Amino acid sequence: EPVPTGVPYVVLPFVERMDLVLAAADLMVCRSGASSVVEAAATGVPAI
């Protein structure tokens, strides 16, 4: 578990609403499967 810092660190096993995940992001860290690359790029989310 991440050490508590007083800044939100939300851990989830899975999400259905990928649109909300992308909308929440300023930056995304992810694998580069085709869907991850295209969904991040198409919505203008900078990624690592």
All heavy atoms as atom14 arrays in JSON, in Angstrom:
{
  "sequence": "EPVPTGVPYVVLPFVERMDLVLAAADLMVCRSGASSVVEAAATGVPAI",
  "atom14_mask": [
    [1, 1, 1, 1, 1, 1, 1, 1, 1, 0, 0, 0, 0, 0],
    [1, 1, 1, 1, 1, 1, 1, 0, 0, 0, 0, 0, 0, 0],
    [1, 1, 1, 1, 1, 1, 1, 0, 0, 0, 0, 0, 0, 0],
    [1, 1, 1, 1, 1, 1, 1, 0, 0, 0, 0, 0, 0, 0],
    [1, 1, 1, 1, 1, 1, 1, 0, 0, 0, 0, 0, 0, 0],
    [1, 1, 1, 1, 0, 0, 0, 0, 0, 0, 0, 0, 0, 0],
    [1, 1, 1, 1, 1, 1, 1, 0, 0, 0, 0, 0, 0, 0],
    [1, 1, 1, 1, 1, 1, 1, 0, 0, 0, 0, 0, 0, 0],
    [1, 1, 1, 1, 1, 1, 1, 1, 1, 1, 1, 1, 0, 0],
    [1, 1, 1, 1, 1, 1, 1, 0, 0, 0, 0, 0, 0, 0],
    [1, 1, 1, 1, 1, 1, 1, 0, 0, 0, 0, 0, 0, 0],
    [1, 1, 1, 1, 1, 1, 1, 1, 0, 0, 0, 0, 0, 0],
    [1, 1, 1, 1, 1, 1, 1, 0, 0, 0, 0, 0, 0, 0],
    [1, 1, 1, 1, 1, 1, 1, 1, 1, 1, 1, 0, 0, 0],
    [1, 1, 1, 1, 1, 1, 1, 0, 0, 0, 0, 0, 0, 0],
    [1, 1, 1, 1, 1, 1, 1, 1, 1, 0, 0, 0, 0, 0],
    [1, 1, 1, 1, 1, 1, 1, 1, 1, 1, 1, 0, 0, 0],
    [1, 1, 1, 1, 1, 1, 1, 1, 0, 0, 0, 0, 0, 0],
    [1, 1, 1, 1, 1, 1, 1, 1, 0, 0, 0, 0, 0, 0],
    [1, 1, 1, 1, 1, 1, 1, 1, 0, 0, 0, 0, 0, 0],
    [1, 1, 1, 1, 1, 1, 1, 0, 0, 0, 0, 0, 0, 0],
    [1, 1, 1, 1, 1, 1, 1, 1, 0, 0, 0, 0, 0, 0],
    [1, 1, 1, 1, 1, 0, 0, 0, 0, 0, 0, 0, 0, 0],
    [1, 1, 1, 1, 1, 0, 0, 0, 0, 0, 0, 0, 0, 0],
    [1, 1, 1, 1, 1, 0, 0, 0, 0, 0, 0, 0, 0, 0],
    [1, 1, 1, 1, 1, 1, 1, 1, 0, 0, 0, 0, 0, 0],
    [1, 1, 1, 1, 1, 1, 1, 1, 0, 0, 0, 0, 0, 0],
    [1, 1, 1, 1, 1, 1, 1, 1, 0, 0, 0, 0, 0, 0],
    [1, 1, 1, 1, 1, 1, 1, 0, 0, 0, 0, 0, 0, 0],
    [1, 1, 1, 1, 1, 1, 0, 0, 0, 0, 0, 0, 0, 0],
    [1, 1, 1, 1, 1, 1, 1, 1, 1, 1, 1, 0, 0, 0],
    [1, 1, 1, 1, 1, 1, 0, 0, 0, 0, 0, 0, 0, 0],
    [1, 1, 1, 1, 0, 0, 0, 0, 0, 0, 0, 0, 0, 0],
    [1, 1, 1, 1, 1, 0, 0, 0, 0, 0, 0, 0, 0, 0],
    [1, 1, 1, 1, 1, 1, 0, 0, 0, 0, 0, 0, 0, 0],
    [1, 1, 1, 1, 1, 1, 0, 0, 0, 0, 0, 0, 0, 0],
    [1, 1, 1, 1, 1, 1, 1, 0, 0, 0, 0, 0, 0, 0],
    [1, 1, 1, 1, 1, 1, 1, 0, 0, 0, 0, 0, 0, 0],
    [1, 1, 1, 1, 1, 1, 1, 1, 1, 0, 0, 0, 0, 0],
    [1, 1, 1, 1, 1, 0, 0, 0, 0, 0, 0, 0, 0, 0],
    [1, 1, 1, 1, 1, 0, 0, 0, 0, 0, 0, 0, 0, 0],
    [1, 1, 1, 1, 1, 0, 0, 0, 0, 0, 0, 0, 0, 0],
    [1, 1, 1, 1, 1, 1, 1, 0, 0, 0, 0, 0, 0, 0],
    [1, 1, 1, 1, 0, 0, 0, 0, 0, 0, 0, 0, 0, 0],
    [1, 1, 1, 1, 1, 1, 1, 0, 0, 0, 0, 0, 0, 0],
    [1, 1, 1, 1, 1, 1, 1, 0, 0, 0, 0, 0, 0, 0],
    [1, 1, 1, 1, 1, 0, 0, 0, 0, 0, 0, 0, 0, 0],
    [1, 1, 1, 1, 1, 1, 1, 1, 0, 0, 0, 0, 0, 0]
  ],
  "atom14_positions": [
    [[0.83, -1.19, 0.0], [0.0, 0.0, 0.0], [0.88, 1.25, 0.0], [1.9, 1.31, 0.69], [-0.91, 0.01, 1.23], [-1.99, -1.05, 1.21], [-3.04, -0.77, 0.14], [-3.26, 0.41, -0.19], [-3.63, -1.75, -0.37], [0.0, 0.0, 0.0], [0.0, 0.0, 0.0], [0.0, 0.0, 0.0], [0.0, 0.0, 0.0], [0.0, 0.0, 0.0]],
    [[0.5, 2.26, -0.79], [1.28, 3.5, -0.8], [1.25, 4.18, 0.57], [0.23, 4.14, 1.26], [0.58, 4.35, -1.87], [-0.79, 3.77, -2.0], [-0.66, 2.32, -1.71], [0.0, 0.0, 0.0], [0.0, 0.0, 0.0], [0.0, 0.0, 0.0], [0.0, 0.0, 0.0], [0.0, 0.0, 0.0], [0.0, 0.0, 0.0], [0.0, 0.0, 0.0]],
    [[2.37, 4.79, 0.94], [2.43, 5.48, 2.23], [1.48, 6.68, 2.2], [1.39, 7.38, 1.19], [3.86, 5.94, 2.55], [4.79, 4.74, 2.67], [4.37, 6.91, 1.49], [0.0, 0.0, 0.0], [0.0, 0.0, 0.0], [0.0, 0.0, 0.0], [0.0, 0.0, 0.0], [0.0, 0.0, 0.0], [0.0, 0.0, 0.0], [0.0, 0.0, 0.0]],
    [[0.73, 6.92, 3.26], [-0.17, 8.07, 3.29], [0.63, 9.38, 3.35], [1.63, 9.48, 4.06], [-1.0, 7.85, 4.55], [-0.22, 6.9, 5.38], [0.62, 6.08, 4.46], [0.0, 0.0, 0.0], [0.0, 0.0, 0.0], [0.0, 0.0, 0.0], [0.0, 0.0, 0.0], [0.0, 0.0, 0.0], [0.0, 0.0, 0.0], [0.0, 0.0, 0.0]],
    [[0.17, 10.36, 2.58], [0.86, 11.65, 2.53], [-0.07, 12.82, 2.79], [0.39, 13.97, 2.84], [1.5, 11.85, 1.14], [0.46, 11.92, 0.14], [2.46, 10.73, 0.8], [0.0, 0.0, 0.0], [0.0, 0.0, 0.0], [0.0, 0.0, 0.0], [0.0, 0.0, 0.0], [0.0, 0.0, 0.0], [0.0, 0.0, 0.0], [0.0, 0.0, 0.0]],
    [[-1.36, 12.55, 2.92], [-2.31, 13.65, 3.04], [-2.84, 14.12, 1.7], [-3.81, 14.88, 1.64], [0.0, 0.0, 0.0], [0.0, 0.0, 0.0], [0.0, 0.0, 0.0], [0.0, 0.0, 0.0], [0.0, 0.0, 0.0], [0.0, 0.0, 0.0], [0.0, 0.0, 0.0], [0.0, 0.0, 0.0], [0.0, 0.0, 0.0], [0.0, 0.0, 0.0]],
    [[-2.21, 13.66, 0.61], [-2.67, 13.95, -0.76], [-3.38, 12.7, -1.27], [-2.89, 11.58, -1.07], [-1.48, 14.32, -1.68], [-1.93, 14.52, -3.12], [-0.79, 15.57, -1.15], [0.0, 0.0, 0.0], [0.0, 0.0, 0.0], [0.0, 0.0, 0.0], [0.0, 0.0, 0.0], [0.0, 0.0, 0.0], [0.0, 0.0, 0.0], [0.0, 0.0, 0.0]],
    [[-4.53, 12.85, -1.93], [-5.28, 11.66, -2.34], [-4.44, 10.68, -3.18], [-3.74, 11.08, -4.11], [-6.44, 12.24, -3.16], [-6.64, 13.6, -2.6], [-5.27, 14.09, -2.24], [0.0, 0.0, 0.0], [0.0, 0.0, 0.0], [0.0, 0.0, 0.0], [0.0, 0.0, 0.0], [0.0, 0.0, 0.0], [0.0, 0.0, 0.0], [0.0, 0.0, 0.0]],
    [[-4.52, 9.41, -2.81], [-3.95, 8.31, -3.58], [-5.02, 7.21, -3.57], [-5.15, 6.47, -2.61], [-2.64, 7.8, -2.97], [-1.82, 6.9, -3.87], [-0.53, 7.25, -4.24], [-2.34, 5.7, -4.36], [0.23, 6.42, -5.08], [-1.6, 4.87, -5.19], [-0.3, 5.24, -5.54], [0.43, 4.43, -6.36], [0.0, 0.0, 0.0], [0.0, 0.0, 0.0]],
    [[-5.8, 7.14, -4.64], [-6.95, 6.25, -4.72], [-6.55, 4.98, -5.45], [-6.04, 5.04, -6.59], [-8.13, 6.94, -5.44], [-9.31, 5.97, -5.58], [-8.54, 8.19, -4.68], [0.0, 0.0, 0.0], [0.0, 0.0, 0.0], [0.0, 0.0, 0.0], [0.0, 0.0, 0.0], [0.0, 0.0, 0.0], [0.0, 0.0, 0.0], [0.0, 0.0, 0.0]],
    [[-6.77, 3.83, -4.82], [-6.42, 2.54, -5.4], [-7.7, 1.77, -5.71], [-8.56, 1.6, -4.83], [-5.54, 1.72, -4.44], [-5.23, 0.34, -5.03], [-4.25, 2.47, -4.12], [0.0, 0.0, 0.0], [0.0, 0.0, 0.0], [0.0, 0.0, 0.0], [0.0, 0.0, 0.0], [0.0, 0.0, 0.0], [0.0, 0.0, 0.0], [0.0, 0.0, 0.0]],
    [[-7.84, 1.32, -6.95], [-9.01, 0.56, -7.38], [-8.55, -0.69, -8.13], [-7.54, -0.65, -8.84], [-9.9, 1.39, -8.3], [-10.54, 2.65, -7.69], [-11.22, 3.46, -8.79], [-11.52, 2.27, -6.61], [0.0, 0.0, 0.0], [0.0, 0.0, 0.0], [0.0, 0.0, 0.0], [0.0, 0.0, 0.0], [0.0, 0.0, 0.0], [0.0, 0.0, 0.0]],
    [[-9.31, -1.8, -8.03], [-8.94, -3.01, -8.78], [-9.29, -2.92, -10.25], [-8.61, -3.51, -11.1], [-9.73, -4.11, -8.08], [-10.91, -3.41, -7.49], [-10.44, -2.05, -7.11], [0.0, 0.0, 0.0], [0.0, 0.0, 0.0], [0.0, 0.0, 0.0], [0.0, 0.0, 0.0], [0.0, 0.0, 0.0], [0.0, 0.0, 0.0], [0.0, 0.0, 0.0]],
    [[-10.36, -2.23, -10.57], [-10.85, -2.2, -11.95], [-11.83, -1.04, -12.08], [-12.47, -0.65, -11.1], [-11.56, -3.52, -12.3], [-11.95, -3.66, -13.75], [-11.01, -3.99, -14.7], [-13.25, -3.45, -14.15], [-11.35, -4.11, -16.05], [-13.62, -3.57, -15.49], [-12.65, -3.91, -16.43], [0.0, 0.0, 0.0], [0.0, 0.0, 0.0], [0.0, 0.0, 0.0]],
    [[-11.95, -0.47, -13.26], [-12.94, 0.58, -13.49], [-13.71, 0.28, -14.77], [-13.13, -0.19, -15.77], [-12.31, 1.98, -13.59], [-11.79, 2.44, -12.26], [-11.21, 2.04, -14.63], [0.0, 0.0, 0.0], [0.0, 0.0, 0.0], [0.0, 0.0, 0.0], [0.0, 0.0, 0.0], [0.0, 0.0, 0.0], [0.0, 0.0, 0.0], [0.0, 0.0, 0.0]],
    [[-15.0, 0.53, -14.74], [-15.83, 0.38, -15.93], [-15.83, 1.67, -16.76], [-15.89, 1.61, -17.99], [-17.27, 0.05, -15.52], [-17.43, -1.27, -14.77], [-17.35, -2.47, -15.68], [-17.28, -2.3, -16.91], [-17.36, -3.6, -15.16], [0.0, 0.0, 0.0], [0.0, 0.0, 0.0], [0.0, 0.0, 0.0], [0.0, 0.0, 0.0], [0.0, 0.0, 0.0]],
    [[-15.78, 2.82, -16.09], [-15.93, 4.1, -16.76], [-14.56, 4.65, -17.16], [-14.01, 5.55, -16.53], [-16.66, 5.08, -15.85], [-18.13, 4.73, -15.6], [-18.98, 4.93, -16.85], [-18.89, 6.27, -17.39], [-19.65, 7.29, -16.99], [-20.56, 7.1, -16.04], [-19.53, 8.49, -17.53], [0.0, 0.0, 0.0], [0.0, 0.0, 0.0], [0.0, 0.0, 0.0]],
    [[-14.02, 4.12, -18.26], [-12.72, 4.6, -18.72], [-12.8, 6.05, -19.17], [-11.79, 6.77, -19.13], [-12.22, 3.72, -19.86], [-10.74, 3.9, -20.18], [-9.71, 3.43, -18.77], [-8.12, 4.1, -19.29], [0.0, 0.0, 0.0], [0.0, 0.0, 0.0], [0.0, 0.0, 0.0], [0.0, 0.0, 0.0], [0.0, 0.0, 0.0], [0.0, 0.0, 0.0]],
    [[-13.96, 6.52, -19.56], [-14.09, 7.93, -19.93], [-13.8, 8.83, -18.74], [-13.13, 9.86, -18.87], [-15.48, 8.21, -20.51], [-16.6, 7.86, -19.56], [-16.46, 6.89, -18.78], [-17.65, 8.54, -19.6], [0.0, 0.0, 0.0], [0.0, 0.0, 0.0], [0.0, 0.0, 0.0], [0.0, 0.0, 0.0], [0.0, 0.0, 0.0], [0.0, 0.0, 0.0]],
    [[-14.27, 8.43, -17.55], [-14.01, 9.22, -16.36], [-12.54, 9.15, -15.96], [-11.97, 10.14, -15.47], [-14.9, 8.75, -15.21], [-16.4, 8.95, -15.39], [-17.15, 8.45, -14.17], [-16.74, 10.42, -15.65], [0.0, 0.0, 0.0], [0.0, 0.0, 0.0], [0.0, 0.0, 0.0], [0.0, 0.0, 0.0], [0.0, 0.0, 0.0], [0.0, 0.0, 0.0]],
    [[-11.91, 8.0, -16.16], [-10.48, 7.87, -15.87], [-9.68, 8.85, -16.73], [-8.82, 9.59, -16.23], [-10.01, 6.42, -16.13], [-8.48, 6.33, -16.05], [-10.64, 5.46, -15.13], [0.0, 0.0, 0.0], [0.0, 0.0, 0.0], [0.0, 0.0, 0.0], [0.0, 0.0, 0.0], [0.0, 0.0, 0.0], [0.0, 0.0, 0.0], [0.0, 0.0, 0.0]],
    [[-9.97, 8.88, -18.02], [-9.25, 9.77, -18.92], [-9.55, 11.23, -18.63], [-8.66, 12.09, -18.72], [-9.63, 9.43, -20.37], [-9.13, 8.07, -20.87], [-9.89, 7.64, -22.12], [-7.63, 8.11, -21.15], [0.0, 0.0, 0.0], [0.0, 0.0, 0.0], [0.0, 0.0, 0.0], [0.0, 0.0, 0.0], [0.0, 0.0, 0.0], [0.0, 0.0, 0.0]],
    [[-10.79, 11.53, -18.27], [-11.16, 12.93, -17.97], [-10.47, 13.41, -16.7], [-10.14, 14.6, -16.58], [-12.66, 13.04, -17.83], [0.0, 0.0, 0.0], [0.0, 0.0, 0.0], [0.0, 0.0, 0.0], [0.0, 0.0, 0.0], [0.0, 0.0, 0.0], [0.0, 0.0, 0.0], [0.0, 0.0, 0.0], [0.0, 0.0, 0.0], [0.0, 0.0, 0.0]],
    [[-10.24, 12.5, -15.75], [-9.6, 12.89, -14.49], [-8.11, 13.15, -14.66], [-7.5, 13.88, -13.86], [-9.82, 11.81, -13.44], [0.0, 0.0, 0.0], [0.0, 0.0, 0.0], [0.0, 0.0, 0.0], [0.0, 0.0, 0.0], [0.0, 0.0, 0.0], [0.0, 0.0, 0.0], [0.0, 0.0, 0.0], [0.0, 0.0, 0.0], [0.0, 0.0, 0.0]],
    [[-7.5, 12.59, -15.69], [-6.03, 12.56, -15.8], [-5.44, 13.84, -16.36], [-5.95, 14.42, -17.32], [-5.62, 11.39, -16.68], [0.0, 0.0, 0.0], [0.0, 0.0, 0.0], [0.0, 0.0, 0.0], [0.0, 0.0, 0.0], [0.0, 0.0, 0.0], [0.0, 0.0, 0.0], [0.0, 0.0, 0.0], [0.0, 0.0, 0.0], [0.0, 0.0, 0.0]],
    [[-4.33, 14.27, -15.75], [-3.43, 15.22, -16.39], [-2.32, 14.48, -17.11], [-1.79, 14.95, -18.11], [-2.82, 16.17, -15.36], [-3.83, 17.13, -14.78], [-4.53, 17.79, -15.57], [-3.93, 17.22, -13.54], [0.0, 0.0, 0.0], [0.0, 0.0, 0.0], [0.0, 0.0, 0.0], [0.0, 0.0, 0.0], [0.0, 0.0, 0.0], [0.0, 0.0, 0.0]],
    [[-1.96, 13.31, -16.57], [-0.91, 12.47, -17.14], [-1.27, 11.03, -16.82], [-1.78, 10.73, -15.74], [0.45, 12.82, -16.51], [1.66, 11.96, -16.91], [2.03, 12.2, -18.37], [2.85, 12.27, -15.99], [0.0, 0.0, 0.0], [0.0, 0.0, 0.0], [0.0, 0.0, 0.0], [0.0, 0.0, 0.0], [0.0, 0.0, 0.0], [0.0, 0.0, 0.0]],
    [[-0.98, 10.14, -17.78], [-1.27, 8.72, -17.57], [0.0, 7.9, -17.69], [0.84, 8.15, -18.57], [-2.3, 8.23, -18.6], [-2.63, 6.75, -18.5], [-3.98, 6.26, -19.6], [-5.37, 6.95, -18.72], [0.0, 0.0, 0.0], [0.0, 0.0, 0.0], [0.0, 0.0, 0.0], [0.0, 0.0, 0.0], [0.0, 0.0, 0.0], [0.0, 0.0, 0.0]],
    [[0.15, 6.92, -16.8], [1.19, 5.89, -16.91], [0.48, 4.58, -17.23], [-0.44, 4.18, -16.51], [1.98, 5.75, -15.6], [2.85, 4.5, -15.64], [2.85, 6.98, -15.37], [0.0, 0.0, 0.0], [0.0, 0.0, 0.0], [0.0, 0.0, 0.0], [0.0, 0.0, 0.0], [0.0, 0.0, 0.0], [0.0, 0.0, 0.0], [0.0, 0.0, 0.0]],
    [[0.9, 3.92, -18.31], [0.22, 2.69, -18.72], [1.11, 1.87, -19.62], [2.14, 2.33, -20.1], [-1.1, 3.01, -19.43], [-0.94, 4.09, -20.88], [0.0, 0.0, 0.0], [0.0, 0.0, 0.0], [0.0, 0.0, 0.0], [0.0, 0.0, 0.0], [0.0, 0.0, 0.0], [0.0, 0.0, 0.0], [0.0, 0.0, 0.0], [0.0, 0.0, 0.0]],
    [[0.7, 0.62, -19.84], [1.29, -0.2, -20.89], [0.92, 0.42, -22.24], [0.1, 1.34, -22.31], [0.78, -1.63, -20.8], [1.23, -2.41, -19.56], [2.73, -2.56, -19.5], [3.16, -3.54, -18.49], [4.41, -3.69, -18.1], [5.36, -2.92, -18.65], [4.74, -4.59, -17.19], [0.0, 0.0, 0.0], [0.0, 0.0, 0.0], [0.0, 0.0, 0.0]],
    [[1.49, -0.11, -23.31], [1.19, 0.45, -24.62], [0.53, -0.58, -25.53], [0.88, -0.72, -26.7], [2.43, 1.04, -25.28], [3.53, 0.15, -25.24], [0.0, 0.0, 0.0], [0.0, 0.0, 0.0], [0.0, 0.0, 0.0], [0.0, 0.0, 0.0], [0.0, 0.0, 0.0], [0.0, 0.0, 0.0], [0.0, 0.0, 0.0], [0.0, 0.0, 0.0]],
    [[-0.45, -1.3, -24.96], [-1.36, -2.04, -25.81], [-2.09, -1.07, -26.72], [-2.19, 0.13, -26.43], [0.0, 0.0, 0.0], [0.0, 0.0, 0.0], [0.0, 0.0, 0.0], [0.0, 0.0, 0.0], [0.0, 0.0, 0.0], [0.0, 0.0, 0.0], [0.0, 0.0, 0.0], [0.0, 0.0, 0.0], [0.0, 0.0, 0.0], [0.0, 0.0, 0.0]],
    [[-2.61, -1.56, -27.81], [-3.21, -0.69, -28.82], [-4.31, 0.19, -28.24], [-4.38, 1.39, -28.5], [-3.74, -1.52, -29.97], [0.0, 0.0, 0.0], [0.0, 0.0, 0.0], [0.0, 0.0, 0.0], [0.0, 0.0, 0.0], [0.0, 0.0, 0.0], [0.0, 0.0, 0.0], [0.0, 0.0, 0.0], [0.0, 0.0, 0.0], [0.0, 0.0, 0.0]],
    [[-5.2, -0.4, -27.43], [-6.3, 0.37, -26.88], [-5.81, 1.49, -25.97], [-6.31, 2.62, -26.02], [-7.27, -0.53, -26.11], [-7.96, -1.38, -26.99], [0.0, 0.0, 0.0], [0.0, 0.0, 0.0], [0.0, 0.0, 0.0], [0.0, 0.0, 0.0], [0.0, 0.0, 0.0], [0.0, 0.0, 0.0], [0.0, 0.0, 0.0], [0.0, 0.0, 0.0]],
    [[-4.82, 1.2, -25.14], [-4.28, 2.22, -24.24], [-3.68, 3.37, -25.03], [-3.91, 4.55, -24.72], [-3.22, 1.61, -23.31], [-3.8, 0.65, -22.45], [0.0, 0.0, 0.0], [0.0, 0.0, 0.0], [0.0, 0.0, 0.0], [0.0, 0.0, 0.0], [0.0, 0.0, 0.0], [0.0, 0.0, 0.0], [0.0, 0.0, 0.0], [0.0, 0.0, 0.0]],
    [[-2.89, 3.06, -26.06], [-2.26, 4.1, -26.86], [-3.3, 4.95, -27.57], [-3.26, 6.19, -27.52], [-1.3, 3.47, -27.88], [-0.8, 4.52, -28.88], [-0.12, 2.82, -27.18], [0.0, 0.0, 0.0], [0.0, 0.0, 0.0], [0.0, 0.0, 0.0], [0.0, 0.0, 0.0], [0.0, 0.0, 0.0], [0.0, 0.0, 0.0], [0.0, 0.0, 0.0]],
    [[-4.25, 4.3, -28.22], [-5.22, 5.03, -29.03], [-6.18, 5.83, -28.16], [-6.51, 6.98, -28.47], [-5.97, 4.07, -29.97], [-7.13, 4.78, -30.67], [-5.01, 3.5, -31.0], [0.0, 0.0, 0.0], [0.0, 0.0, 0.0], [0.0, 0.0, 0.0], [0.0, 0.0, 0.0], [0.0, 0.0, 0.0], [0.0, 0.0, 0.0], [0.0, 0.0, 0.0]],
    [[-6.66, 5.25, -27.06], [-7.6, 5.98, -26.21], [-6.93, 7.19, -25.57], [-7.54, 8.27, -25.49], [-8.17, 5.05, -25.15], [-9.13, 4.03, -25.71], [-9.79, 3.14, -24.67], [-9.38, 3.21, -23.49], [-10.69, 2.37, -25.04], [0.0, 0.0, 0.0], [0.0, 0.0, 0.0], [0.0, 0.0, 0.0], [0.0, 0.0, 0.0], [0.0, 0.0, 0.0]],
    [[-5.69, 7.06, -25.12], [-4.99, 8.21, -24.56], [-4.75, 9.28, -25.63], [-5.02, 10.46, -25.41], [-3.67, 7.77, -23.93], [0.0, 0.0, 0.0], [0.0, 0.0, 0.0], [0.0, 0.0, 0.0], [0.0, 0.0, 0.0], [0.0, 0.0, 0.0], [0.0, 0.0, 0.0], [0.0, 0.0, 0.0], [0.0, 0.0, 0.0], [0.0, 0.0, 0.0]],
    [[-4.26, 8.85, -26.78], [-3.96, 9.82, -27.84], [-5.21, 10.51, -28.36], [-5.25, 11.74, -28.51], [-3.23, 9.13, -28.99], [0.0, 0.0, 0.0], [0.0, 0.0, 0.0], [0.0, 0.0, 0.0], [0.0, 0.0, 0.0], [0.0, 0.0, 0.0], [0.0, 0.0, 0.0], [0.0, 0.0, 0.0], [0.0, 0.0, 0.0], [0.0, 0.0, 0.0]],
    [[-6.26, 9.75, -28.61], [-7.48, 10.31, -29.18], [-8.1, 11.36, -28.27], [-8.73, 12.32, -28.74], [-8.49, 9.21, -29.47], [0.0, 0.0, 0.0], [0.0, 0.0, 0.0], [0.0, 0.0, 0.0], [0.0, 0.0, 0.0], [0.0, 0.0, 0.0], [0.0, 0.0, 0.0], [0.0, 0.0, 0.0], [0.0, 0.0, 0.0], [0.0, 0.0, 0.0]],
    [[-7.94, 11.19, -26.97], [-8.53, 12.14, -26.02], [-7.53, 13.18, -25.54], [-7.85, 13.99, -24.67], [-9.1, 11.38, -24.8], [-8.09, 10.53, -24.24], [-10.28, 10.51, -25.22], [0.0, 0.0, 0.0], [0.0, 0.0, 0.0], [0.0, 0.0, 0.0], [0.0, 0.0, 0.0], [0.0, 0.0, 0.0], [0.0, 0.0, 0.0], [0.0, 0.0, 0.0]],
    [[-6.32, 13.16, -26.09], [-5.34, 14.18, -25.77], [-4.73, 14.06, -24.38], [-4.34, 15.07, -23.79], [0.0, 0.0, 0.0], [0.0, 0.0, 0.0], [0.0, 0.0, 0.0], [0.0, 0.0, 0.0], [0.0, 0.0, 0.0], [0.0, 0.0, 0.0], [0.0, 0.0, 0.0], [0.0, 0.0, 0.0], [0.0, 0.0, 0.0], [0.0, 0.0, 0.0]],
    [[-4.63, 12.83, -23.87], [-4.02, 12.62, -22.56], [-2.53, 12.33, -22.74], [-2.17, 11.31, -23.34], [-4.69, 11.45, -21.81], [-3.99, 11.21, -20.46], [-6.17, 11.73, -21.59], [0.0, 0.0, 0.0], [0.0, 0.0, 0.0], [0.0, 0.0, 0.0], [0.0, 0.0, 0.0], [0.0, 0.0, 0.0], [0.0, 0.0, 0.0], [0.0, 0.0, 0.0]],
    [[-1.64, 13.17, -22.24], [-0.21, 12.85, -22.3], [0.07, 11.58, -21.51], [-0.58, 11.31, -20.5], [0.45, 14.07, -21.64], [-0.58, 15.15, -21.69], [-1.9, 14.47, -21.59], [0.0, 0.0, 0.0], [0.0, 0.0, 0.0], [0.0, 0.0, 0.0], [0.0, 0.0, 0.0], [0.0, 0.0, 0.0], [0.0, 0.0, 0.0], [0.0, 0.0, 0.0]],
    [[1.04, 10.81, -21.98], [1.25, 9.5, -21.37], [2.72, 9.18, -21.23], [3.58, 9.68, -21.98], [0.56, 8.41, -22.19], [0.0, 0.0, 0.0], [0.0, 0.0, 0.0], [0.0, 0.0, 0.0], [0.0, 0.0, 0.0], [0.0, 0.0, 0.0], [0.0, 0.0, 0.0], [0.0, 0.0, 0.0], [0.0, 0.0, 0.0], [0.0, 0.0, 0.0]],
    [[3.0, 8.32, -20.25], [4.28, 7.62, -20.17], [3.96, 6.16, -20.44], [3.28, 5.5, -19.65], [4.93, 7.77, -18.78], [5.23, 9.24, -18.49], [6.21, 6.94, -18.71], [5.77, 9.49, -17.09], [0.0, 0.0, 0.0], [0.0, 0.0, 0.0], [0.0, 0.0, 0.0], [0.0, 0.0, 0.0], [0.0, 0.0, 0.0], [0.0, 0.0, 0.0]]
  ]
}
